[in-house]
Amino acid sequence: MHGITLETMVVELSAYFGWQELGQRIPVRCFQQDPSLGSSLKFLRKTPWAREKVESLYLFMLRERRRNA
């Protein structure tokens, strides 16, 4: 994940899946209740297990994009 910021991952994931599906795939409150980029980044920077889930989902999204291209 060198060179890819957490902000970039969250922005791309929310654009690809939408906040609702993102909240279903990673069930954390910052994605489910009144989601915003700021609140998500604040939570993810403090919570290593959630950040790992975001990174994993981001890699999955990249594989899906490549497969569909």
C-alpha atoms as a PDB file:
ATOM      1  CA  MET A   1       0.000   0.000   0.000  1.00  0.00           C
ATOM      2  CA  HIS A   2       2.962   2.288  -0.545  1.00  0.00           C
ATOM      3  CA  GLY A   3       1.999   5.728  -1.766  1.00  0.00           C
ATOM      4  CA  ILE A   4      -1.751   5.255  -1.305  1.00  0.00           C
ATOM      5  CA  THR A   5      -3.204   7.302   1.517  1.00  0.00           C
ATOM      6  CA  LEU A   6      -5.992   6.167   3.780  1.00  0.00           C
ATOM      7  CA  GLU A   7      -8.031   9.103   2.484  1.00  0.00           C
ATOM      8  CA  THR A   8      -7.635   7.899  -1.108  1.00  0.00           C
ATOM      9  CA  MET A   9      -8.778   4.408  -0.119  1.00  0.00           C
ATOM     10  CA  VAL A  10     -11.899   5.655   1.682  1.00  0.00           C
ATOM     11  CA  VAL A  11     -12.812   8.051  -1.145  1.00  0.00           C
ATOM     12  CA  GLU A  12     -12.447   5.348  -3.799  1.00  0.00           C
ATOM     13  CA  LEU A  13     -14.278   2.725  -1.738  1.00  0.00           C
ATOM     14  CA  SER A  14     -17.197   5.049  -1.031  1.00  0.00           C
ATOM     15  CA  ALA A  15     -17.385   5.974  -4.719  1.00  0.00           C
ATOM     16  CA  TYR A  16     -17.238   2.329  -5.827  1.00  0.00           C
ATOM     17  CA  PHE A  17     -19.521   0.721  -3.238  1.00  0.00           C
ATOM     18  CA  GLY A  18     -21.421   3.671  -1.756  1.00  0.00           C
ATOM     19  CA  TRP A  19     -21.544   4.384   1.976  1.00  0.00           C
ATOM     20  CA  GLN A  20     -24.416   1.977   2.599  1.00  0.00           C
ATOM     21  CA  GLU A  21     -22.695  -1.071   1.112  1.00  0.00           C
ATOM     22  CA  LEU A  22     -19.388  -0.016   2.630  1.00  0.00           C
ATOM     23  CA  GLY A  23     -21.118  -0.024   6.023  1.00  0.00           C
ATOM     24  CA  GLN A  24     -22.432  -3.523   5.352  1.00  0.00           C
ATOM     25  CA  ARG A  25     -19.048  -4.873   4.282  1.00  0.00           C
ATOM     26  CA  ILE A  26     -17.190  -3.203   7.162  1.00  0.00           C
ATOM     27  CA  PRO A  27     -19.725  -2.806   9.984  1.00  0.00           C
ATOM     28  CA  VAL A  28     -18.413   0.235  11.827  1.00  0.00           C
ATOM     29  CA  ARG A  29     -20.511   3.192  12.915  1.00  0.00           C
ATOM     30  CA  CYS A  30     -18.489   5.762  10.953  1.00  0.00           C
ATOM     31  CA  PHE A  31     -19.669   4.052   7.731  1.00  0.00           C
ATOM     32  CA  GLN A  32     -23.214   3.293   8.868  1.00  0.00           C
ATOM     33  CA  GLN A  33     -24.514   6.330  10.761  1.00  0.00           C
ATOM     34  CA  ASP A  34     -24.108   9.761   9.163  1.00  0.00           C
ATOM     35  CA  PRO A  35     -20.968   8.737   7.240  1.00  0.00           C
ATOM     36  CA  SER A  36     -18.413  11.326   6.226  1.00  0.00           C
ATOM     37  CA  LEU A  37     -14.841  11.282   5.084  1.00  0.00           C
ATOM     38  CA  GLY A  38     -13.630  13.208   8.134  1.00  0.00           C
ATOM     39  CA  SER A  39     -15.259  10.989  10.743  1.00  0.00           C
ATOM     40  CA  SER A  40     -14.143   7.860   8.916  1.00  0.00           C
ATOM     41  CA  LEU A  41     -10.520   8.969   8.717  1.00  0.00           C
ATOM     42  CA  LYS A  42     -10.470   9.983  12.374  1.00  0.00           C
ATOM     43  CA  PHE A  43     -11.801   6.570  13.435  1.00  0.00           C
ATOM     44  CA  LEU A  44      -9.624   4.544  11.061  1.00  0.00           C
ATOM     45  CA  ARG A  45      -6.416   6.310  12.112  1.00  0.00           C
ATOM     46  CA  LYS A  46      -7.095   5.287  15.725  1.00  0.00           C
ATOM     47  CA  THR A  47      -8.308   1.749  15.034  1.00  0.00           C
ATOM     48  CA  PRO A  48      -5.774  -0.623  13.440  1.00  0.00           C
ATOM     49  CA  TRP A  49      -8.178  -3.571  12.956  1.00  0.00           C
ATOM     50  CA  ALA A  50     -10.649  -1.387  11.033  1.00  0.00           C
ATOM     51  CA  ARG A  51      -7.872   0.129   8.930  1.00  0.00           C
ATOM     52  CA  GLU A  52      -6.746  -3.394   7.995  1.00  0.00           C
ATOM     53  CA  LYS A  53     -10.280  -4.215   6.851  1.00  0.00           C
ATOM     54  CA  VAL A  54     -10.372  -1.067   4.708  1.00  0.00           C
ATOM     55  CA  GLU A  55      -7.011  -1.950   3.143  1.00  0.00           C
ATOM     56  CA  SER A  56      -8.188  -5.480   2.426  1.00  0.00           C
ATOM     57  CA  LEU A  57     -11.438  -4.271   0.849  1.00  0.00           C
ATOM     58  CA  TYR A  58      -9.480  -1.733  -1.201  1.00  0.00           C
ATOM     59  CA  LEU A  59      -7.299  -4.506  -2.634  1.00  0.00           C
ATOM     60  CA  PHE A  60     -10.432  -6.538  -3.394  1.00  0.00           C
ATOM     61  CA  MET A  61     -11.926  -3.521  -5.198  1.00  0.00           C
ATOM     62  CA  LEU A  62      -8.773  -3.112  -7.304  1.00  0.00           C
ATOM     63  CA  ARG A  63      -8.907  -6.794  -8.305  1.00  0.00           C
ATOM     64  CA  GLU A  64     -12.608  -6.435  -9.221  1.00  0.00           C
ATOM     65  CA  ARG A  65     -11.897  -3.375 -11.349  1.00  0.00           C
ATOM     66  CA  ARG A  66      -9.105  -5.191 -13.174  1.00  0.00           C
ATOM     67  CA  ARG A  67     -11.285  -8.229 -13.724  1.00  0.00           C
ATOM     68  CA  ASN A  68     -14.144  -6.137 -15.144  1.00  0.00           C
ATOM     69  CA  ALA A  69     -11.924  -4.018 -17.406  1.00  0.00           C
END
